[in-house]
Every structure is written in structure tokens, then in C-alpha cells.
Protein backbone atom coordinates (compact mmCIF):
# COMPACT_ATOMS: atom_id res chain seq x y z
CA MET A 1 9.33 12.00 -1.11
CA SER A 2 11.80 8.94 -0.35
CA LYS A 3 13.22 7.60 -3.17
CA ARG A 4 11.07 4.87 -4.96
CA LYS A 5 12.44 0.75 -3.81
CA PHE A 6 10.62 -1.16 -6.27
CA PRO A 7 8.35 -0.48 -9.38
CA MET A 8 4.17 -0.24 -8.78
CA GLY A 9 2.88 -1.45 -11.95
CA GLN A 10 -1.26 -0.29 -12.59
CA LEU A 11 -2.18 1.29 -9.22
CA VAL A 12 -5.74 0.60 -8.43
CA ALA A 13 -8.06 1.54 -6.02
CA THR A 14 -11.30 -0.29 -4.66
CA LEU A 15 -14.49 2.02 -4.64
CA ALA A 16 -14.83 2.47 -1.04
CA VAL A 17 -11.34 3.67 -0.89
CA ILE A 18 -11.74 6.05 -3.02
CA GLU A 19 -14.91 7.61 -1.70
CA LEU A 20 -13.17 7.15 1.51
CA MET A 21 -11.07 9.78 0.22
CA GLN A 22 -12.85 11.59 -1.49
CA LYS A 23 -15.51 12.30 1.35
CA GLU A 24 -12.06 13.32 4.16
CA GLY A 25 -10.11 15.37 0.89
CA ILE A 26 -7.02 12.24 1.42
CA LYS A 27 -5.16 12.33 -1.38
CA LEU A 28 -3.79 8.16 -2.12
CA GLU A 29 -1.10 9.66 -4.09
CA GLU A 30 0.46 9.68 -0.73
CA LEU A 31 -0.57 6.62 1.03
CA PHE A 32 0.75 5.09 -2.18
CA ALA A 33 3.98 7.28 -1.90
CA LEU A 34 4.59 6.00 1.62
CA HIS A 35 3.99 2.54 0.06
CA VAL A 36 6.77 2.66 -2.83
CA SER A 37 9.17 4.31 -0.44
CA GLY A 38 9.41 1.81 1.54
CA ASN A 39 6.66 3.07 4.91
CA TRP A 40 5.31 -0.38 5.29
CA GLY A 41 3.00 1.47 8.18
CA SER A 42 1.34 -0.53 10.54
CA VAL A 43 2.43 -3.84 9.25
CA SER A 44 3.36 -6.36 11.89
CA GLU A 45 6.51 -7.10 12.11
CA ALA A 46 6.63 -10.38 10.64
CA THR A 47 5.03 -8.68 7.95
CA CYS A 48 7.23 -6.04 7.42
CA ALA A 49 10.37 -9.09 7.95
CA ASP A 50 8.46 -10.47 4.74
CA ASN A 51 9.06 -7.80 3.20
CA GLU A 52 12.16 -6.49 3.01
CA LEU A 53 12.57 -10.27 2.28
CA ALA A 54 10.31 -9.17 -1.26
CA LEU A 55 12.23 -6.44 -2.12
CA VAL A 56 15.27 -8.41 -2.98
CA GLY A 57 13.80 -11.64 -3.39
CA GLY A 58 10.19 -11.11 -4.90
CA GLY A 59 7.34 -11.41 -3.54
CA ARG A 60 4.09 -9.51 -2.01
CA LEU A 61 4.47 -6.63 -0.36
CA VAL A 62 2.05 -4.97 1.76
CA SER A 63 1.66 -2.13 3.86
CA ILE A 64 -1.36 -0.49 5.81
CA HIS A 65 -1.85 3.03 6.59
CA LYS A 66 -4.61 5.33 8.56
CA ALA A 67 -6.44 7.84 6.13
CA ALA A 68 -9.75 8.52 7.69
CA GLY A 69 -9.06 6.96 11.02
CA ARG A 70 -9.40 3.51 8.96
CA ARG A 71 -7.06 1.15 7.81
CA VAL A 72 -5.93 1.12 4.33
CA TRP A 73 -4.29 -1.80 3.41
CA ILE A 74 -2.00 -0.97 0.36
CA VAL A 75 -0.68 -4.46 -2.02
CA THR A 76 1.98 -4.53 -4.47
CA GLU A 77 1.34 -8.05 -6.61
CA ALA A 78 4.47 -10.13 -5.95
CA ASP A 79 5.27 -9.52 -10.06
CA ARG A 80 5.28 -5.91 -9.49
CA THR A 81 2.17 -5.31 -12.17
CA ARG A 82 -0.24 -3.35 -9.81
CA THR A 83 -0.52 -2.30 -6.76
CA THR A 84 -4.34 -1.74 -4.94
CA ALA A 85 -5.62 0.28 -2.36
CA LEU A 86 -8.53 -1.04 -0.33
CA LEU A 87 -10.56 -1.60 2.77
CA PRO A 88 -9.32 -4.47 5.19
CA GLU A 89 -12.92 -6.12 4.93
CA GLU A 90 -12.47 -6.35 1.02
CA PHE A 91 -9.85 -8.70 1.32
């Protein structure tokens, strides 16, 4: 696994994400590991640039990863107290 680029704080996930991961036998920890290593997944170029700036100057970090054909958003708050996994429709 790549080096952690930032603190993630408390890790939380919505019930929908937990159910999806359990149903498909996917480990949510793997998505969190991608996120914390700076792998932003399928975000736009603008969001990627915002994330890179947020690593240095602070700000929210967002990544989007596929799991069982669904997009799962991973969001770390600007103060790094919490990282949440959720489905796009839950935002």
C-alpha cells in the first residue's frame, strides 16, 4: 500500500455503502486505502487539482471509486476529523 498522505480521522460509511460492500464481498478498507494514498479515482481534473491544493493548504478531499459497478464517494472533511464513504445520491 502507498504511503498515507493525510490523516483521515474517524472512518464512517452510510448504511447503503456498507450493504453494497457486504453484498458484493468488497472490503471498504481497500477504498479508504486508495483515498488516503492520494488515488482520487474518477474525479474531474478540477477536483483532482483541488485535492492536491487541499493536501498542502487544507480543505476537503474527495475521491470517487468504483465498487460492484457503482460509484462510491469518499470524502475527508477539511479539518481531517472524519472521512465518509457514501453513494452519490446520498450527498
